[in-house]
């Protein structure tokens, strides 16, 4: 799926999906995560990975 298809399937704007994909956002609402998981038929951990700070 491309970003436009993900946005359409999830009911999100293309800008929202673009910003998440390109790591241009600092926050993501739980509702947005829910929509992405439903559209992609996956779990949150399938989309995101926690990478600890090096500090």
PDB file of N, CA and C in Angstrom:
ATOM      1  N   UNK A   1       0.842  -1.180   0.000  1.00  0.00           N
ATOM      2  CA  UNK A   1       0.000   0.000   0.000  1.00  0.00           C
ATOM      3  C   UNK A   1       0.891   1.248   0.000  1.00  0.00           C
ATOM      4  N   UNK A   2       0.444   2.246  -0.721  1.00  0.00           N
ATOM      5  CA  UNK A   2       1.161   3.518  -0.651  1.00  0.00           C
ATOM      6  C   UNK A   2       0.485   4.406   0.398  1.00  0.00           C
ATOM      7  N   UNK A   3       1.064   5.572   0.655  1.00  0.00           N
ATOM      8  CA  UNK A   3       0.540   6.443   1.707  1.00  0.00           C
ATOM      9  C   UNK A   3      -0.888   6.892   1.441  1.00  0.00           C
ATOM     10  N   UNK A   4      -1.217   7.174   0.194  1.00  0.00           N
ATOM     11  CA  UNK A   4      -2.577   7.604  -0.140  1.00  0.00           C
ATOM     12  C   UNK A   4      -3.577   6.490   0.155  1.00  0.00           C
ATOM     13  N   UNK A   5      -3.221   5.263  -0.153  1.00  0.00           N
ATOM     14  CA  UNK A   5      -4.106   4.127   0.112  1.00  0.00           C
ATOM     15  C   UNK A   5      -4.278   3.903   1.612  1.00  0.00           C
ATOM     16  N   UNK A   6      -3.187   4.017   2.365  1.00  0.00           N
ATOM     17  CA  UNK A   6      -3.267   3.865   3.821  1.00  0.00           C
ATOM     18  C   UNK A   6      -4.165   4.952   4.408  1.00  0.00           C
ATOM     19  N   UNK A   7      -3.964   6.181   3.969  1.00  0.00           N
ATOM     20  CA  UNK A   7      -4.775   7.298   4.464  1.00  0.00           C
ATOM     21  C   UNK A   7      -6.250   7.063   4.176  1.00  0.00           C
ATOM     22  N   UNK A   8      -6.560   6.673   2.964  1.00  0.00           N
ATOM     23  CA  UNK A   8      -7.954   6.439   2.567  1.00  0.00           C
ATOM     24  C   UNK A   8      -8.554   5.287   3.376  1.00  0.00           C
ATOM     25  N   UNK A   9      -7.835   4.192   3.484  1.00  0.00           N
ATOM     26  CA  UNK A   9      -8.327   3.012   4.198  1.00  0.00           C
ATOM     27  C   UNK A   9      -8.521   3.300   5.689  1.00  0.00           C
ATOM     28  N   UNK A  10      -7.635   4.117   6.259  1.00  0.00           N
ATOM     29  CA  UNK A  10      -7.695   4.419   7.689  1.00  0.00           C
ATOM     30  C   UNK A  10      -8.615   5.594   8.008  1.00  0.00           C
ATOM     31  N   UNK A  11      -9.018   6.335   6.993  1.00  0.00           N
ATOM     32  CA  UNK A  11      -9.838   7.513   7.244  1.00  0.00           C
ATOM     33  C   UNK A  11      -9.030   8.658   7.823  1.00  0.00           C
ATOM     34  N   UNK A  12      -7.762   8.741   7.420  1.00  0.00           N
ATOM     35  CA  UNK A  12      -6.860   9.795   7.868  1.00  0.00           C
ATOM     36  C   UNK A  12      -6.482  10.675   6.689  1.00  0.00           C
ATOM     37  N   UNK A  13      -5.963  11.855   6.995  1.00  0.00           N
ATOM     38  CA  UNK A  13      -5.505  12.704   5.906  1.00  0.00           C
ATOM     39  C   UNK A  13      -4.158  12.208   5.407  1.00  0.00           C
ATOM     40  N   UNK A  14      -3.872  12.527   4.154  1.00  0.00           N
ATOM     41  CA  UNK A  14      -2.580  12.165   3.577  1.00  0.00           C
ATOM     42  C   UNK A  14      -1.454  12.822   4.363  1.00  0.00           C
ATOM     43  N   UNK A  15      -1.694  14.056   4.816  1.00  0.00           N
ATOM     44  CA  UNK A  15      -0.683  14.788   5.586  1.00  0.00           C
ATOM     45  C   UNK A  15      -0.352  14.039   6.883  1.00  0.00           C
ATOM     46  N   UNK A  16      -1.355  13.527   7.560  1.00  0.00           N
ATOM     47  CA  UNK A  16      -1.120  12.777   8.796  1.00  0.00           C
ATOM     48  C   UNK A  16      -0.263  11.556   8.543  1.00  0.00           C
ATOM     49  N   UNK A  17      -0.598  10.784   7.535  1.00  0.00           N
ATOM     50  CA  UNK A  17       0.163   9.578   7.214  1.00  0.00           C
ATOM     51  C   UNK A  17       1.580   9.951   6.767  1.00  0.00           C
ATOM     52  N   UNK A  18       1.706  10.989   5.964  1.00  0.00           N
ATOM     53  CA  UNK A  18       3.014  11.458   5.504  1.00  0.00           C
ATOM     54  C   UNK A  18       3.897  11.835   6.687  1.00  0.00           C
ATOM     55  N   UNK A  19       3.351  12.590   7.638  1.00  0.00           N
ATOM     56  CA  UNK A  19       4.139  13.050   8.787  1.00  0.00           C
ATOM     57  C   UNK A  19       4.570  11.884   9.674  1.00  0.00           C
ATOM     58  N   UNK A  20       3.712  10.893   9.847  1.00  0.00           N
ATOM     59  CA  UNK A  20       4.080   9.717  10.634  1.00  0.00           C
ATOM     60  C   UNK A  20       5.167   8.924   9.904  1.00  0.00           C
ATOM     61  N   UNK A  21       4.955   8.672   8.628  1.00  0.00           N
ATOM     62  CA  UNK A  21       5.898   7.878   7.838  1.00  0.00           C
ATOM     63  C   UNK A  21       7.290   8.501   7.807  1.00  0.00           C
ATOM     64  N   UNK A  22       7.333   9.814   7.668  1.00  0.00           N
ATOM     65  CA  UNK A  22       8.613  10.517   7.555  1.00  0.00           C
ATOM     66  C   UNK A  22       9.122  11.050   8.896  1.00  0.00           C
ATOM     67  N   UNK A  23       8.511  10.578  10.002  1.00  0.00           N
ATOM     68  CA  UNK A  23       8.925  10.945  11.358  1.00  0.00           C
ATOM     69  C   UNK A  23       8.978  12.456  11.561  1.00  0.00           C
ATOM     70  N   UNK A  24       7.946  13.144  11.079  1.00  0.00           N
ATOM     71  CA  UNK A  24       7.856  14.599  11.175  1.00  0.00           C
ATOM     72  C   UNK A  24       6.902  15.042  12.275  1.00  0.00           C
ATOM     73  N   UNK A  25       6.433  14.119  13.085  1.00  0.00           N
ATOM     74  CA  UNK A  25       5.492  14.453  14.144  1.00  0.00           C
ATOM     75  C   UNK A  25       6.057  14.026  15.492  1.00  0.00           C
ATOM     76  N   UNK A  26       5.726  14.770  16.518  1.00  0.00           N
ATOM     77  CA  UNK A  26       6.203  14.443  17.861  1.00  0.00           C
ATOM     78  C   UNK A  26       5.149  13.695  18.667  1.00  0.00           C
ATOM     79  N   UNK A  27       3.888  13.808  18.269  1.00  0.00           N
ATOM     80  CA  UNK A  27       2.811  13.121  18.978  1.00  0.00           C
ATOM     81  C   UNK A  27       1.876  12.450  17.973  1.00  0.00           C
ATOM     82  N   UNK A  28       1.277  11.360  18.423  1.00  0.00           N
ATOM     83  CA  UNK A  28       0.282  10.657  17.610  1.00  0.00           C
ATOM     84  C   UNK A  28      -0.867  10.300  18.538  1.00  0.00           C
ATOM     85  N   UNK A  29      -2.057  10.701  18.168  1.00  0.00           N
ATOM     86  CA  UNK A  29      -3.224  10.408  19.007  1.00  0.00           C
ATOM     87  C   UNK A  29      -3.540   8.919  18.982  1.00  0.00           C
ATOM     88  N   UNK A  30      -4.079   8.433  20.093  1.00  0.00           N
ATOM     89  CA  UNK A  30      -4.448   7.019  20.182  1.00  0.00           C
ATOM     90  C   UNK A  30      -5.485   6.645  19.133  1.00  0.00           C
ATOM     91  N   UNK A  31      -6.380   7.556  18.832  1.00  0.00           N
ATOM     92  CA  UNK A  31      -7.391   7.302  17.797  1.00  0.00           C
ATOM     93  C   UNK A  31      -6.724   7.079  16.438  1.00  0.00           C
ATOM     94  N   UNK A  32      -5.680   7.828  16.149  1.00  0.00           N
ATOM     95  CA  UNK A  32      -4.944   7.673  14.892  1.00  0.00           C
ATOM     96  C   UNK A  32      -4.260   6.315  14.847  1.00  0.00           C
ATOM     97  N   UNK A  33      -3.642   5.914  15.955  1.00  0.00           N
ATOM     98  CA  UNK A  33      -3.009   4.594  16.020  1.00  0.00           C
ATOM     99  C   UNK A  33      -4.038   3.485  15.817  1.00  0.00           C
ATOM    100  N   UNK A  34      -5.188   3.645  16.425  1.00  0.00           N
ATOM    101  CA  UNK A  34      -6.256   2.659  16.286  1.00  0.00           C
ATOM    102  C   UNK A  34      -6.689   2.541  14.828  1.00  0.00           C
ATOM    103  N   UNK A  35      -6.857   3.673  14.168  1.00  0.00           N
ATOM    104  CA  UNK A  35      -7.265   3.667  12.760  1.00  0.00           C
ATOM    105  C   UNK A  35      -6.210   3.006  11.884  1.00  0.00           C
ATOM    106  N   UNK A  36      -4.942   3.292  12.145  1.00  0.00           N
ATOM    107  CA  UNK A  36      -3.866   2.674  11.364  1.00  0.00           C
ATOM    108  C   UNK A  36      -3.843   1.159  11.573  1.00  0.00           C
ATOM    109  N   UNK A  37      -3.946   0.736  12.813  1.00  0.00           N
ATOM    110  CA  UNK A  37      -3.930  -0.706  13.098  1.00  0.00           C
ATOM    111  C   UNK A  37      -5.115  -1.413  12.455  1.00  0.00           C
ATOM    112  N   UNK A  38      -6.283  -0.807  12.497  1.00  0.00           N
ATOM    113  CA  UNK A  38      -7.452  -1.407  11.855  1.00  0.00           C
ATOM    114  C   UNK A  38      -7.273  -1.483  10.343  1.00  0.00           C
ATOM    115  N   UNK A  39      -6.768  -0.413   9.741  1.00  0.00           N
ATOM    116  CA  UNK A  39      -6.597  -0.377   8.291  1.00  0.00           C
ATOM    117  C   UNK A  39      -5.541  -1.371   7.822  1.00  0.00           C
ATOM    118  N   UNK A  40      -4.501  -1.544   8.622  1.00  0.00           N
ATOM    119  CA  UNK A  40      -3.399  -2.420   8.235  1.00  0.00           C
ATOM    120  C   UNK A  40      -3.528  -3.821   8.824  1.00  0.00           C
ATOM    121  N   UNK A  41      -4.587  -4.027   9.637  1.00  0.00           N
ATOM    122  CA  UNK A  41      -4.815  -5.323  10.275  1.00  0.00           C
ATOM    123  C   UNK A  41      -3.557  -5.788  11.022  1.00  0.00           C
ATOM    124  N   UNK A  42      -3.093  -4.910  11.919  1.00  0.00           N
ATOM    125  CA  UNK A  42      -1.867  -5.215  12.659  1.00  0.00           C
ATOM    126  C   UNK A  42      -1.976  -4.685  14.080  1.00  0.00           C
ATOM    127  N   UNK A  43      -0.908  -4.878  14.845  1.00  0.00           N
ATOM    128  CA  UNK A  43      -0.824  -4.371  16.210  1.00  0.00           C
ATOM    129  C   UNK A  43       0.105  -3.157  16.228  1.00  0.00           C
ATOM    130  N   UNK A  44       0.013  -2.364  17.277  1.00  0.00           N
ATOM    131  CA  UNK A  44       0.858  -1.168  17.392  1.00  0.00           C
ATOM    132  C   UNK A  44       2.335  -1.534  17.288  1.00  0.00           C
ATOM    133  N   UNK A  45       2.755  -2.604  17.930  1.00  0.00           N
ATOM    134  CA  UNK A  45       4.160  -2.994  17.903  1.00  0.00           C
ATOM    135  C   UNK A  45       4.628  -3.440  16.512  1.00  0.00           C
ATOM    136  N   UNK A  46       3.702  -3.700  15.614  1.00  0.00           N
ATOM    137  CA  UNK A  46       4.069  -4.010  14.232  1.00  0.00           C
ATOM    138  C   UNK A  46       4.418  -2.737  13.453  1.00  0.00           C
ATOM    139  N   UNK A  47       3.963  -1.590  13.969  1.00  0.00           N
ATOM    140  CA  UNK A  47       4.182  -0.314  13.288  1.00  0.00           C
ATOM    141  C   UNK A  47       5.359   0.435  13.887  1.00  0.00           C
ATOM    142  N   UNK A  48       5.456   0.403  15.228  1.00  0.00           N
ATOM    143  CA  UNK A  48       6.449   1.217  15.923  1.00  0.00           C
ATOM    144  C   UNK A  48       7.457   0.357  16.666  1.00  0.00           C
ATOM    145  N   UNK A  49       8.641   0.903  16.815  1.00  0.00           N
ATOM    146  CA  UNK A  49       9.701   0.273  17.580  1.00  0.00           C
ATOM    147  C   UNK A  49      10.276   1.320  18.526  1.00  0.00           C
ATOM    148  N   UNK A  50      10.451   0.953  19.777  1.00  0.00           N
ATOM    149  CA  UNK A  50      11.059   1.873  20.729  1.00  0.00           C
ATOM    150  C   UNK A  50      12.580   1.765  20.615  1.00  0.00           C
ATOM    151  N   UNK A  51      13.214   2.889  20.375  1.00  0.00           N
ATOM    152  CA  UNK A  51      14.684   2.955  20.321  1.00  0.00           C
ATOM    153  C   UNK A  51      15.118   3.916  21.420  1.00  0.00           C
ATOM    154  N   UNK A  52      15.716   3.390  22.488  1.00  0.00           N
ATOM    155  CA  UNK A  52      16.105   4.247  23.610  1.00  0.00           C
ATOM    156  C   UNK A  52      17.121   5.317  23.198  1.00  0.00           C
ATOM    157  N   UNK A  53      17.072   6.450  23.914  1.00  0.00           N
ATOM    158  CA  UNK A  53      18.066   7.497  23.698  1.00  0.00           C
ATOM    159  C   UNK A  53      19.441   7.000  24.101  1.00  0.00           C
ATOM    160  N   UNK A  54      20.446   7.527  23.479  1.00  0.00           N
ATOM    161  CA  UNK A  54      21.827   7.123  23.808  1.00  0.00           C
ATOM    162  C   UNK A  54      22.344   7.805  25.053  1.00  0.00           C
ATOM    163  N   UNK A  55      21.594   8.779  25.567  1.00  0.00           N
ATOM    164  CA  UNK A  55      22.034   9.536  26.753  1.00  0.00           C
ATOM    165  C   UNK A  55      22.066   8.681  27.996  1.00  0.00           C
TER     166      UNK A  55
END
